[in-house]
């Protein structure tokens, strides 16, 4: 099965949907990597730590966050220590289990996360010209992909 030619594309060759999806992923990944490289040159926060800020949509245990991000708990602990030293996160006792700790964004961390949401929206909606409906569909598909990959990888 192939897609019909897109009148906006110069190349009218038909391509299988599986390969079309891969080409889109490759292009998006490369584009995002180049933007991240540009951001990295302007900030003192490593890429991995910024990813943690993205994942902290709510307070989370370090072990759960490590599993979600598919990294070793020791890697997560080291990065959390660095984020805490910079004032972007704090550790708080888990009210459901006083033996456990939650990682929570500070107001500076929440501001950084909000700025990253704006940057992502700009990238996806303005630069890549996705509509709100396309963005929502892409988000659902991407999260499904992430969940399924998590089932098959463990750290």
Protein backbone atom coordinates (compact mmCIF):
# COMPACT_ATOMS: atom_id res chain seq x y z
CA UNK A 1 0.00 0.00 0.00
CA UNK A 2 1.34 3.45 -0.91
CA UNK A 3 0.33 7.04 -0.32
CA UNK A 4 -0.89 9.08 -3.27
CA UNK A 5 1.59 11.72 -4.40
CA UNK A 6 1.58 14.88 -2.28
CA UNK A 7 1.16 17.91 -4.59
CA UNK A 8 3.37 19.92 -2.19
CA UNK A 9 6.32 17.58 -2.73
CA UNK A 10 8.62 17.87 -5.72
CA UNK A 11 9.16 14.11 -5.86
CA UNK A 12 5.97 12.34 -6.97
CA UNK A 13 7.38 8.87 -6.24
CA UNK A 14 5.05 6.63 -4.28
CA UNK A 15 6.45 5.42 -0.98
CA UNK A 16 5.29 2.71 1.39
CA UNK A 17 3.71 4.10 4.59
CA UNK A 18 6.23 2.23 6.74
CA UNK A 19 9.13 3.93 4.98
CA UNK A 20 7.34 7.26 4.88
CA UNK A 21 6.95 7.08 8.67
CA UNK A 22 10.64 6.25 9.10
CA UNK A 23 11.72 9.08 6.81
CA UNK A 24 9.59 11.51 8.82
CA UNK A 25 11.05 10.25 12.11
CA UNK A 26 14.61 10.52 10.75
CA UNK A 27 14.01 14.06 9.51
CA UNK A 28 12.33 15.16 12.75
CA UNK A 29 15.07 13.61 14.89
CA UNK A 30 17.80 15.31 12.88
CA UNK A 31 16.00 18.64 13.00
CA UNK A 32 15.44 18.43 16.76
CA UNK A 33 19.05 17.35 17.36
CA UNK A 34 20.32 20.40 15.47
CA UNK A 35 18.06 22.68 17.55
CA UNK A 36 19.20 21.00 20.77
CA UNK A 37 22.84 21.45 19.76
CA UNK A 38 22.10 25.14 19.26
CA UNK A 39 20.41 25.37 22.67
CA UNK A 40 23.24 23.41 24.34
CA UNK A 41 25.74 25.98 23.12
CA UNK A 42 23.75 28.73 24.88
CA UNK A 43 22.99 27.03 28.22
CA UNK A 44 24.86 25.31 30.98
CA UNK A 45 22.20 22.63 31.47
CA UNK A 46 22.97 19.28 29.84
CA UNK A 47 20.46 17.72 27.48
CA UNK A 48 19.65 14.83 29.84
CA UNK A 49 18.78 17.19 32.67
CA UNK A 50 16.45 19.16 30.39
CA UNK A 51 14.75 15.87 29.49
CA UNK A 52 14.15 15.24 33.19
CA UNK A 53 12.49 18.65 33.49
CA UNK A 54 10.19 17.70 30.59
CA UNK A 55 9.27 14.41 32.28
CA UNK A 56 8.45 16.11 35.60
CA UNK A 57 4.88 17.07 34.75
CA UNK A 58 4.11 16.17 38.36
CA UNK A 59 6.22 15.04 41.34
CA UNK A 60 7.64 11.56 40.73
CA UNK A 61 9.76 9.03 42.55
CA UNK A 62 13.29 8.81 41.23
CA UNK A 63 12.93 5.09 40.46
CA UNK A 64 9.72 5.61 38.50
CA UNK A 65 11.28 8.50 36.59
CA UNK A 66 14.34 6.35 35.81
CA UNK A 67 12.06 3.60 34.44
CA UNK A 68 10.06 6.08 32.34
CA UNK A 69 13.25 7.48 30.86
CA UNK A 70 14.89 4.06 30.56
CA UNK A 71 18.01 4.94 32.56
CA UNK A 72 19.69 3.40 35.56
CA UNK A 73 18.54 4.68 38.97
CA UNK A 74 22.11 5.77 39.74
CA UNK A 75 22.13 7.91 36.56
CA UNK A 76 18.85 9.51 37.63
CA UNK A 77 20.14 10.16 41.16
CA UNK A 78 23.25 11.92 39.85
CA UNK A 79 21.24 14.09 37.46
CA UNK A 80 18.67 14.88 40.19
CA UNK A 81 21.51 15.96 42.48
CA UNK A 82 22.77 18.35 39.80
CA UNK A 83 19.29 19.74 39.09
CA UNK A 84 18.72 20.20 42.83
CA UNK A 85 22.04 22.02 43.22
CA UNK A 86 21.01 24.41 40.42
CA UNK A 87 17.63 25.05 42.07
CA UNK A 88 15.41 23.42 39.45
CA UNK A 89 14.10 20.53 41.59
CA UNK A 90 13.61 19.62 45.23
CA UNK A 91 13.16 16.27 46.92
CA UNK A 92 10.08 15.86 49.10
CA UNK A 93 8.81 12.93 51.12
CA UNK A 94 6.17 10.88 49.35
CA UNK A 95 2.96 11.34 51.36
CA UNK A 96 1.90 7.81 50.39
CA UNK A 97 5.16 6.22 51.56
CA UNK A 98 7.27 8.20 54.03
CA UNK A 99 10.31 6.05 53.18
CA UNK A 100 10.28 7.26 49.58
CA UNK A 101 11.22 10.60 48.04
CA UNK A 102 9.57 12.51 45.21
CA UNK A 103 11.38 14.74 42.78
CA UNK A 104 9.44 17.98 42.24
CA UNK A 105 10.07 21.06 40.09
CA UNK A 106 10.77 24.33 41.88
CA UNK A 107 9.29 27.54 40.48
CA UNK A 108 12.48 27.98 38.39
CA UNK A 109 12.11 24.40 37.14
CA UNK A 110 8.44 24.97 36.30
CA UNK A 111 9.37 28.17 34.42
CA UNK A 112 12.00 26.25 32.44
CA UNK A 113 9.49 23.50 31.63
CA UNK A 114 6.94 26.09 30.48
CA UNK A 115 9.55 27.68 28.21
CA UNK A 116 10.30 24.25 26.76
CA UNK A 117 6.58 23.71 26.05
CA UNK A 118 6.50 27.02 24.17
CA UNK A 119 9.62 26.02 22.23
CA UNK A 120 8.08 22.64 21.34
CA UNK A 121 4.82 24.29 20.26
CA UNK A 122 6.76 26.74 18.09
CA UNK A 123 8.76 23.92 16.54
CA UNK A 124 5.80 21.65 15.87
CA UNK A 125 3.07 24.13 15.01
CA UNK A 126 4.89 27.03 13.41
CA UNK A 127 8.10 25.62 11.98
CA UNK A 128 6.70 22.23 10.92
CA UNK A 129 3.21 23.69 10.27
CA UNK A 130 1.21 21.09 12.19
CA UNK A 131 -2.38 22.04 12.98
CA UNK A 132 -3.68 21.63 16.53
CA UNK A 133 -5.48 18.45 15.41
CA UNK A 134 -2.32 17.07 13.78
CA UNK A 135 -0.30 17.91 16.91
CA UNK A 136 -2.79 16.09 19.15
CA UNK A 137 -2.78 13.06 16.83
CA UNK A 138 1.03 13.10 16.64
CA UNK A 139 1.24 13.33 20.44
CA UNK A 140 -1.10 10.34 20.91
CA UNK A 141 0.86 8.29 18.38
CA UNK A 142 4.22 9.30 19.83
CA UNK A 143 3.14 8.45 23.39
CA UNK A 144 1.84 5.08 22.18
CA UNK A 145 5.20 4.43 20.55
CA UNK A 146 6.98 5.43 23.76
CA UNK A 147 4.83 3.12 25.91
CA UNK A 148 5.39 0.19 23.54
CA UNK A 149 9.13 0.76 23.45
CA UNK A 150 9.16 0.83 27.25
CA UNK A 151 7.61 -2.65 27.26
CA UNK A 152 10.57 -3.99 25.30
CA UNK A 153 13.46 -2.14 26.92
CA UNK A 154 14.62 -2.19 30.49
CA UNK A 155 17.45 -0.43 32.17
